N, C-alpha and C. Protein backbone atom coordinates (compact mmCIF):
# COMPACT_ATOMS: atom_id res chain seq x y z
N UNK A 1 2.93 -10.03 5.33
CA UNK A 1 3.20 -8.58 5.21
C UNK A 1 4.97 -8.57 5.14
N UNK A 2 5.30 -7.54 4.95
CA UNK A 2 6.63 -7.45 4.90
C UNK A 2 7.09 -5.84 5.54
N UNK A 3 7.88 -6.12 6.52
CA UNK A 3 8.44 -4.86 7.15
C UNK A 3 9.36 -3.64 6.01
N UNK A 4 8.31 -2.56 6.31
CA UNK A 4 8.61 -1.44 5.24
C UNK A 4 9.79 -0.49 6.03
N UNK A 5 9.22 0.13 7.32
CA UNK A 5 10.57 0.95 8.02
C UNK A 5 9.55 1.16 9.53
N UNK A 6 10.17 1.83 10.50
CA UNK A 6 9.62 2.27 11.91
C UNK A 6 9.02 3.71 11.54
N UNK A 7 8.22 4.16 12.62
CA UNK A 7 7.46 5.34 12.56
C UNK A 7 7.86 5.00 14.27
N UNK A 8 7.70 6.39 14.50
CA UNK A 8 7.66 7.01 15.86
C UNK A 8 6.63 6.34 16.86
N UNK A 9 6.89 6.21 17.99
CA UNK A 9 5.76 5.83 19.13
C UNK A 9 5.86 4.36 18.95
N UNK A 10 6.78 3.21 18.47
CA UNK A 10 6.40 2.29 18.60
C UNK A 10 5.77 1.32 17.30
N UNK A 11 5.61 2.51 16.56
CA UNK A 11 4.44 2.15 15.28
C UNK A 11 5.31 1.16 13.89
N UNK A 12 4.59 0.69 13.27
CA UNK A 12 5.83 0.47 12.15
C UNK A 12 4.47 -0.18 10.95
N UNK A 13 5.32 0.48 9.70
CA UNK A 13 4.65 0.48 8.39
C UNK A 13 5.24 -1.09 7.87
N UNK A 14 4.14 -1.91 7.00
CA UNK A 14 3.97 -3.22 6.60
C UNK A 14 4.03 -3.33 5.08
N UNK A 15 4.31 -3.61 3.94
CA UNK A 15 3.43 -4.19 3.02
C UNK A 15 2.99 -4.99 2.81
N UNK A 16 1.75 -4.87 2.25
CA UNK A 16 0.24 -5.87 2.39
C UNK A 16 0.93 -6.81 0.74
N UNK A 17 1.24 -7.75 1.03
CA UNK A 17 1.48 -8.72 -0.44
C UNK A 17 1.02 -9.42 -0.90
N UNK A 18 -0.48 -9.30 -0.45
CA UNK A 18 -1.10 -10.91 -0.93
C UNK A 18 -2.68 -10.28 -0.54
N UNK A 19 -3.40 -11.05 -1.70
CA UNK A 19 -5.01 -10.67 -1.48
C UNK A 19 -5.94 -11.04 0.27
N UNK A 20 -5.06 -12.01 0.28
CA UNK A 20 -5.46 -12.60 1.93
C UNK A 20 -5.11 -11.34 2.99
N UNK A 21 -4.12 -10.87 2.69
CA UNK A 21 -3.62 -9.84 3.48
C UNK A 21 -4.31 -8.45 3.61
N UNK A 22 -5.03 -8.23 2.07
CA UNK A 22 -5.57 -6.84 1.64
C UNK A 22 -6.79 -7.14 2.63
N UNK A 23 -7.26 -8.44 2.14
CA UNK A 23 -8.98 -8.68 2.79
C UNK A 23 -8.92 -8.45 4.42
N UNK A 24 -8.01 -8.86 5.05
CA UNK A 24 -7.89 -8.79 6.54
C UNK A 24 -7.74 -7.61 6.53
N UNK A 25 -6.84 -6.63 6.24
CA UNK A 25 -7.19 -5.32 6.06
C UNK A 25 -8.27 -4.25 6.10
N UNK A 26 -8.70 -4.52 5.06
CA UNK A 26 -10.28 -4.30 4.83
C UNK A 26 -11.10 -4.84 5.89
N UNK A 27 -11.46 -5.93 6.35
CA UNK A 27 -11.88 -5.86 7.79
C UNK A 27 -11.81 -5.22 8.75
N UNK A 28 -10.21 -5.31 9.03
CA UNK A 28 -9.67 -4.74 10.44
C UNK A 28 -10.29 -3.19 10.30
N UNK A 29 -9.83 -2.59 9.08
CA UNK A 29 -9.85 -1.18 8.91
C UNK A 29 -11.21 -0.73 8.72
N UNK A 30 -12.16 -1.49 8.25
CA UNK A 30 -13.45 -1.19 7.69
C UNK A 30 -13.60 -0.02 6.41
N UNK A 31 -12.59 -0.38 5.43
CA UNK A 31 -12.68 0.04 4.21
C UNK A 31 -12.25 -0.93 3.05
N UNK A 32 -12.26 -0.54 1.74
CA UNK A 32 -12.29 -1.46 0.77
C UNK A 32 -10.78 -1.75 0.15
N UNK A 33 -9.92 -1.77 0.98
CA UNK A 33 -8.32 -1.87 0.46
C UNK A 33 -8.31 -2.96 -0.32
N UNK A 34 -8.99 -4.10 -0.33
CA UNK A 34 -8.85 -5.36 -1.03
C UNK A 34 -9.44 -4.96 -2.35
N UNK A 35 -10.36 -4.35 -2.45
CA UNK A 35 -11.18 -4.31 -4.04
C UNK A 35 -10.00 -3.58 -4.91
N UNK A 36 -9.08 -2.53 -4.30
CA UNK A 36 -8.24 -2.00 -5.10
C UNK A 36 -6.96 -2.69 -5.14
N UNK A 37 -6.65 -3.60 -4.19
CA UNK A 37 -5.49 -4.19 -4.30
C UNK A 37 -5.46 -5.33 -5.48
N UNK A 38 -7.13 -5.75 -5.66
CA UNK A 38 -7.46 -6.72 -6.50
C UNK A 38 -7.31 -6.58 -8.41
N UNK A 39 -8.10 -5.08 -8.17
CA UNK A 39 -7.85 -4.52 -9.18
C UNK A 39 -6.52 -4.24 -9.86
N UNK A 40 -5.58 -3.83 -9.25
CA UNK A 40 -4.29 -3.34 -9.15
C UNK A 40 -2.97 -4.78 -9.56
N UNK A 41 -3.57 -5.89 -8.83
CA UNK A 41 -3.02 -7.02 -9.04
C UNK A 41 -3.25 -7.47 -10.30
N UNK A 42 -4.58 -7.77 -10.76
CA UNK A 42 -4.71 -8.25 -12.19
C UNK A 42 -4.59 -7.37 -13.24
N UNK A 43 -4.29 -6.14 -12.91
CA UNK A 43 -3.76 -5.12 -13.73
C UNK A 43 -2.27 -5.35 -14.17
N UNK A 44 -1.88 -5.62 -13.33
CA UNK A 44 -0.08 -6.07 -13.10
C UNK A 44 0.17 -7.34 -13.86
N UNK A 45 -0.76 -8.63 -13.31
CA UNK A 45 -0.58 -9.76 -13.62
C UNK A 45 -0.89 -9.89 -15.38
N UNK A 46 -1.92 -8.99 -15.66
CA UNK A 46 -2.15 -9.10 -17.28
C UNK A 46 -1.03 -8.52 -18.09
N UNK A 47 -0.21 -7.39 -17.66
CA UNK A 47 1.06 -6.90 -18.42
C UNK A 47 1.82 -7.97 -18.57
N UNK A 48 2.00 -8.99 -17.84
CA UNK A 48 2.97 -9.74 -17.85
C UNK A 48 3.33 -10.54 -19.13
N UNK A 49 4.40 -10.56 -19.49
CA UNK A 49 5.10 -11.17 -20.90
C UNK A 49 5.87 -12.30 -20.47
N UNK A 50 5.16 -13.59 -20.59
CA UNK A 50 6.16 -14.82 -20.23
C UNK A 50 7.64 -14.71 -21.28
N UNK A 51 8.88 -15.31 -20.36
CA UNK A 51 9.49 -15.19 -21.56
C UNK A 51 10.35 -16.55 -21.98
N UNK A 52 9.29 -17.75 -21.54
CA UNK A 52 9.42 -18.92 -21.95
C UNK A 52 8.40 -19.31 -22.71
N UNK A 53 7.90 -19.85 -23.96
CA UNK A 53 7.34 -20.60 -24.28
C UNK A 53 6.59 -22.11 -23.72
N UNK A 54 7.53 -22.59 -23.06
CA UNK A 54 7.19 -23.76 -22.42
C UNK A 54 6.22 -23.46 -21.33
N UNK A 55 4.81 -24.33 -21.36
CA UNK A 55 4.07 -23.90 -20.76
C UNK A 55 4.17 -24.11 -18.93
N UNK A 56 4.92 -24.99 -18.45
CA UNK A 56 4.91 -25.19 -17.10
C UNK A 56 6.11 -23.75 -16.56
N UNK A 57 6.78 -23.32 -17.69
CA UNK A 57 7.96 -22.08 -17.47
C UNK A 57 7.21 -21.10 -17.32
N UNK A 58 5.95 -20.61 -17.95
CA UNK A 58 5.31 -19.48 -18.55
C UNK A 58 5.22 -18.60 -17.19
N UNK A 59 5.20 -18.99 -15.74
CA UNK A 59 4.76 -18.19 -14.39
C UNK A 59 6.13 -17.79 -13.94
N UNK A 60 6.90 -18.03 -14.61
CA UNK A 60 8.64 -17.79 -14.37
C UNK A 60 8.53 -16.38 -14.18
N UNK A 61 8.63 -15.52 -13.19
CA UNK A 61 9.09 -14.24 -12.97
C UNK A 61 7.79 -13.63 -12.82
N UNK A 62 6.83 -14.30 -12.98
CA UNK A 62 5.34 -13.51 -12.62
C UNK A 62 5.25 -12.99 -11.40
N UNK A 63 5.45 -13.53 -10.46
CA UNK A 63 5.33 -12.69 -8.74
C UNK A 63 6.29 -11.03 -8.65
N UNK A 64 7.80 -11.69 -9.60
CA UNK A 64 8.42 -10.27 -9.53
C UNK A 64 7.87 -9.08 -10.05
N UNK A 65 7.27 -9.43 -11.14
CA UNK A 65 6.37 -8.53 -11.96
C UNK A 65 5.40 -8.08 -11.47
N UNK A 66 4.53 -8.52 -10.78
CA UNK A 66 3.47 -8.12 -10.35
C UNK A 66 3.74 -7.25 -9.28
N UNK A 67 5.07 -7.64 -7.96
CA UNK A 67 5.29 -6.69 -6.90
C UNK A 67 6.20 -5.46 -7.50
N UNK A 68 6.64 -5.79 -8.85
CA UNK A 68 7.36 -4.33 -9.08
C UNK A 68 6.44 -3.39 -10.03
N UNK A 69 5.45 -3.89 -10.53
CA UNK A 69 4.27 -2.90 -11.26
C UNK A 69 3.44 -2.20 -10.96
N UNK A 70 2.82 -3.08 -9.53
CA UNK A 70 1.58 -2.69 -9.13
C UNK A 70 1.94 -1.47 -7.78
N UNK A 71 0.87 -0.69 -7.40
CA UNK A 71 0.92 0.32 -6.54
C UNK A 71 1.53 -0.55 -5.19
N UNK A 72 2.24 -0.17 -4.01
CA UNK A 72 2.37 -0.19 -3.17
C UNK A 72 1.53 -0.25 -1.95
N UNK A 73 0.82 -1.21 -1.52
CA UNK A 73 0.07 -1.32 -0.62
C UNK A 73 0.35 -1.64 0.94
N UNK A 74 0.34 -0.71 1.70
CA UNK A 74 1.04 -0.58 3.48
C UNK A 74 0.11 -0.59 4.05
N UNK A 75 0.34 -1.21 5.52
CA UNK A 75 -0.40 -0.81 6.63
C UNK A 75 0.34 -0.53 7.91
N UNK A 76 0.17 0.32 8.45
CA UNK A 76 0.65 0.72 9.81
C UNK A 76 -0.08 0.20 10.98
N UNK A 77 0.91 -0.25 11.88
CA UNK A 77 0.40 -1.03 12.81
C UNK A 77 1.35 -0.66 14.00
N UNK A 78 0.20 -0.82 15.23
CA UNK A 78 0.84 -0.10 16.68
C UNK A 78 1.95 -1.23 16.89
N UNK A 79 2.32 -0.97 18.27
CA UNK A 79 3.01 -2.46 18.68
C UNK A 79 2.81 -3.55 18.93
N UNK A 80 1.26 -3.64 18.92
CA UNK A 80 0.45 -5.12 19.39
C UNK A 80 -0.25 -5.31 17.98
N UNK A 81 0.24 -4.83 17.00
CA UNK A 81 -0.49 -5.13 15.86
C UNK A 81 -1.59 -4.73 15.18
N UNK A 82 -1.97 -3.92 15.93
CA UNK A 82 -3.25 -3.13 15.44
C UNK A 82 -3.25 -2.04 14.43
N UNK A 83 -4.13 -2.47 13.00
CA UNK A 83 -3.15 -1.51 12.09
C UNK A 83 -4.12 -0.03 12.37
N UNK A 84 -3.49 1.25 11.77
CA UNK A 84 -4.00 2.36 12.31
C UNK A 84 -4.10 3.47 11.16
N UNK A 85 -3.57 2.77 10.16
CA UNK A 85 -3.59 3.65 8.95
C UNK A 85 -3.31 2.61 7.51
N UNK A 86 -4.04 2.81 6.19
CA UNK A 86 -3.70 2.22 5.36
C UNK A 86 -2.95 2.89 4.49
N UNK A 87 -2.30 2.51 3.35
CA UNK A 87 -1.78 3.90 2.31
C UNK A 87 -1.78 3.06 0.69
N UNK A 88 -1.70 3.40 -0.05
CA UNK A 88 -1.46 3.12 -1.46
C UNK A 88 -0.65 4.25 -1.98
N UNK A 89 0.52 3.99 -2.44
CA UNK A 89 1.68 4.44 -3.11
C UNK A 89 2.18 3.85 -4.80
N UNK A 90 2.84 4.82 -5.19
CA UNK A 90 3.14 4.34 -6.34
C UNK A 90 4.17 3.57 -6.69
N UNK A 91 4.15 2.50 -7.63
CA UNK A 91 4.72 1.25 -7.78
C UNK A 91 6.12 2.06 -7.26
N UNK A 92 7.19 0.86 -6.58
CA UNK A 92 8.14 0.70 -6.04
C UNK A 92 8.62 2.11 -5.59
N UNK A 93 7.22 2.74 -4.92
CA UNK A 93 7.47 3.82 -3.89
C UNK A 93 8.04 5.23 -4.70
N UNK A 94 8.50 5.37 -6.11
CA UNK A 94 8.81 6.22 -6.23
C UNK A 94 7.92 7.55 -6.91
N UNK A 95 8.55 8.52 -6.34
CA UNK A 95 7.54 9.37 -6.49
C UNK A 95 6.98 9.84 -7.76
N UNK A 96 5.54 9.97 -8.02
CA UNK A 96 5.47 10.10 -9.61
C UNK A 96 4.17 10.94 -9.72
N UNK A 97 4.08 11.99 -9.89
CA UNK A 97 3.00 13.39 -9.56
C UNK A 97 1.81 12.80 -10.37
N UNK A 98 2.03 11.92 -11.24
CA UNK A 98 0.64 11.60 -12.15
C UNK A 98 0.10 10.48 -11.65
N UNK A 99 0.38 9.77 -10.19
CA UNK A 99 -0.29 8.61 -9.53
C UNK A 99 -0.56 9.57 -8.41
N UNK A 100 -1.67 9.56 -7.53
CA UNK A 100 -2.37 9.98 -6.58
C UNK A 100 -2.33 8.92 -5.49
N UNK A 101 -1.43 9.00 -4.48
CA UNK A 101 -0.82 8.13 -3.53
C UNK A 101 -2.74 8.27 -2.63
N UNK A 102 -2.69 7.72 -1.77
CA UNK A 102 -4.13 7.62 -1.07
C UNK A 102 -3.70 7.05 0.47
N UNK A 103 -4.01 7.76 1.52
CA UNK A 103 -3.79 7.08 2.94
C UNK A 103 -4.83 7.50 3.63
N UNK A 104 -5.66 6.64 4.37
CA UNK A 104 -6.91 6.87 4.93
C UNK A 104 -6.89 5.64 6.01
N UNK A 105 -7.48 6.64 7.44
CA UNK A 105 -7.61 5.35 8.55
C UNK A 105 -8.76 4.62 8.72
N UNK A 106 -8.99 4.15 9.58
CA UNK A 106 -10.02 3.38 9.94
C UNK A 106 -11.32 3.67 9.83
N UNK A 107 -12.34 2.95 8.42
CA UNK A 107 -13.41 3.75 8.17
C UNK A 107 -13.36 4.86 7.13
N UNK A 108 -12.00 4.91 6.58
CA UNK A 108 -11.85 5.99 5.78
C UNK A 108 -11.67 7.26 6.42
N UNK A 109 -11.22 7.37 7.72
CA UNK A 109 -11.31 8.71 8.47
C UNK A 109 -10.09 9.05 8.20
N UNK A 110 -9.55 10.63 8.28
CA UNK A 110 -8.73 11.21 8.13
C UNK A 110 -7.84 10.56 8.91
N UNK A 111 -6.31 10.06 8.54
CA UNK A 111 -5.34 9.94 9.21
C UNK A 111 -4.18 10.63 10.10
N UNK A 112 -4.36 12.08 9.15
CA UNK A 112 -3.25 12.84 9.94
C UNK A 112 -3.64 13.55 11.07
N UNK A 113 -4.28 13.94 11.68
CA UNK A 113 -4.23 14.01 12.89
C UNK A 113 -3.49 13.20 13.98
N UNK A 114 -3.77 11.73 13.91
CA UNK A 114 -3.46 11.41 15.06
C UNK A 114 -2.01 10.29 14.24
N UNK A 115 -1.98 10.24 13.17
CA UNK A 115 -0.84 9.42 12.56
C UNK A 115 0.41 10.21 11.69
N UNK A 116 0.17 11.09 11.97
CA UNK A 116 0.71 12.26 10.96
C UNK A 116 2.18 12.06 11.04
N UNK A 117 2.86 12.03 12.14
CA UNK A 117 4.14 11.92 12.27
C UNK A 117 4.81 10.16 11.87
N UNK A 118 4.02 9.44 11.91
CA UNK A 118 3.96 8.17 11.19
C UNK A 118 4.03 8.11 9.60
N UNK A 119 3.30 8.89 8.84
CA UNK A 119 3.10 9.22 7.84
C UNK A 119 4.20 9.87 7.20
N UNK A 120 4.50 11.02 7.96
CA UNK A 120 5.93 11.51 7.71
C UNK A 120 6.76 10.76 7.66
N UNK A 121 7.08 10.06 8.50
CA UNK A 121 8.52 8.60 8.55
C UNK A 121 8.36 7.83 7.55
N UNK A 122 7.16 7.44 6.88
CA UNK A 122 6.70 7.27 5.66
C UNK A 122 7.60 7.41 4.42
N UNK A 123 7.07 9.03 4.30
CA UNK A 123 7.37 9.66 3.14
C UNK A 123 8.98 10.04 3.41
N UNK A 124 9.63 10.01 4.35
CA UNK A 124 10.92 10.18 4.23
C UNK A 124 11.82 9.18 4.21
N UNK A 125 10.97 7.82 4.27
CA UNK A 125 11.70 6.46 3.99
C UNK A 125 11.84 6.18 2.34
N UNK A 126 10.60 6.96 1.49
CA UNK A 126 10.49 6.64 0.48
C UNK A 126 10.96 8.11 -0.47
N UNK A 127 11.45 9.27 0.32
CA UNK A 127 11.84 10.14 -0.15
C UNK A 127 10.55 10.46 -1.30
N UNK A 128 9.70 10.69 -0.52
CA UNK A 128 8.57 11.59 -1.27
C UNK A 128 8.08 12.45 -0.24
N UNK A 129 7.02 13.11 -0.64
CA UNK A 129 5.81 14.24 0.01
C UNK A 129 4.60 13.52 0.04
N UNK A 130 4.22 13.40 1.48
CA UNK A 130 2.72 12.54 1.40
C UNK A 130 2.05 13.51 2.03
N UNK A 131 1.59 14.68 1.38
CA UNK A 131 0.62 15.52 2.29
C UNK A 131 -0.46 15.20 2.00
N UNK A 132 -1.50 15.87 3.18
CA UNK A 132 -2.83 15.53 3.67
C UNK A 132 -3.77 16.12 2.33
N UNK A 133 -3.60 16.94 1.48
CA UNK A 133 -3.88 17.53 0.62
C UNK A 133 -3.97 16.77 -0.86
N UNK A 134 -2.92 15.88 -1.19
CA UNK A 134 -2.77 15.02 -2.30
C UNK A 134 -3.32 13.57 -1.72
N UNK A 135 -3.30 12.93 -0.42
CA UNK A 135 -3.09 11.89 -0.45
C UNK A 135 -4.41 11.60 0.53
N UNK A 136 -5.52 12.28 1.03
CA UNK A 136 -6.57 11.94 1.93
C UNK A 136 -7.65 12.44 0.53
N UNK A 137 -8.22 11.09 0.31
CA UNK A 137 -9.07 11.44 -0.75
C UNK A 137 -10.63 11.67 -0.54
N UNK A 138 -10.49 12.38 1.09
CA UNK A 138 -12.09 12.42 1.12
C UNK A 138 -12.46 14.13 1.53
N UNK A 139 -13.27 14.78 1.57
CA UNK A 139 -13.25 16.33 2.20
C UNK A 139 -13.72 16.21 3.49
N UNK A 140 -12.82 17.25 3.73
CA UNK A 140 -12.71 17.49 5.79
C UNK A 140 -13.87 18.65 5.86
N UNK A 141 -14.24 18.21 6.93
CA UNK A 141 -15.41 19.28 7.17
C UNK A 141 -14.91 19.86 8.20
C-alpha cells in the first residue's frame, strides 16, 4: 500500500496497489473490492500497447500504465492499521462526473456517519466532492 493522505483522528488513507492487498481488504472488510480491483486491473492491462517489439521488453511501462489507467482503490486505516472504509475513485484522482466513485464501510455499510470527516479529507486531497448521494451505492433506510 502507498500513503495518500492523513485524516482527522489519527486515521490515514492508503492506495491499494496489488491484488493481494485487495484480497486482504475484502477479507477484513467483508466486501468484494478484490473483484472490482481484478476487473479494473485486467481492463487497464488489456489497453496497454508495448512500445517495443522485442519480446523481453514488451512489459516495460506496463505497471505505470496500469497505475495511470485504472481507478484508485483506497483504504482508510486507523492508527493501529484496522480498515475503516474502502473507496474507488476515478483514475488519477481526477474529478470525472461520468465516473461514479464508491465508498463503503465494513460489510458494505454506510461509512459516512462515522468516517465523514475522513472522507472529506480525502475529497480535499484530490480536489473533488465525495458526497454520500453520489458515492454510497446502497439504499439507506
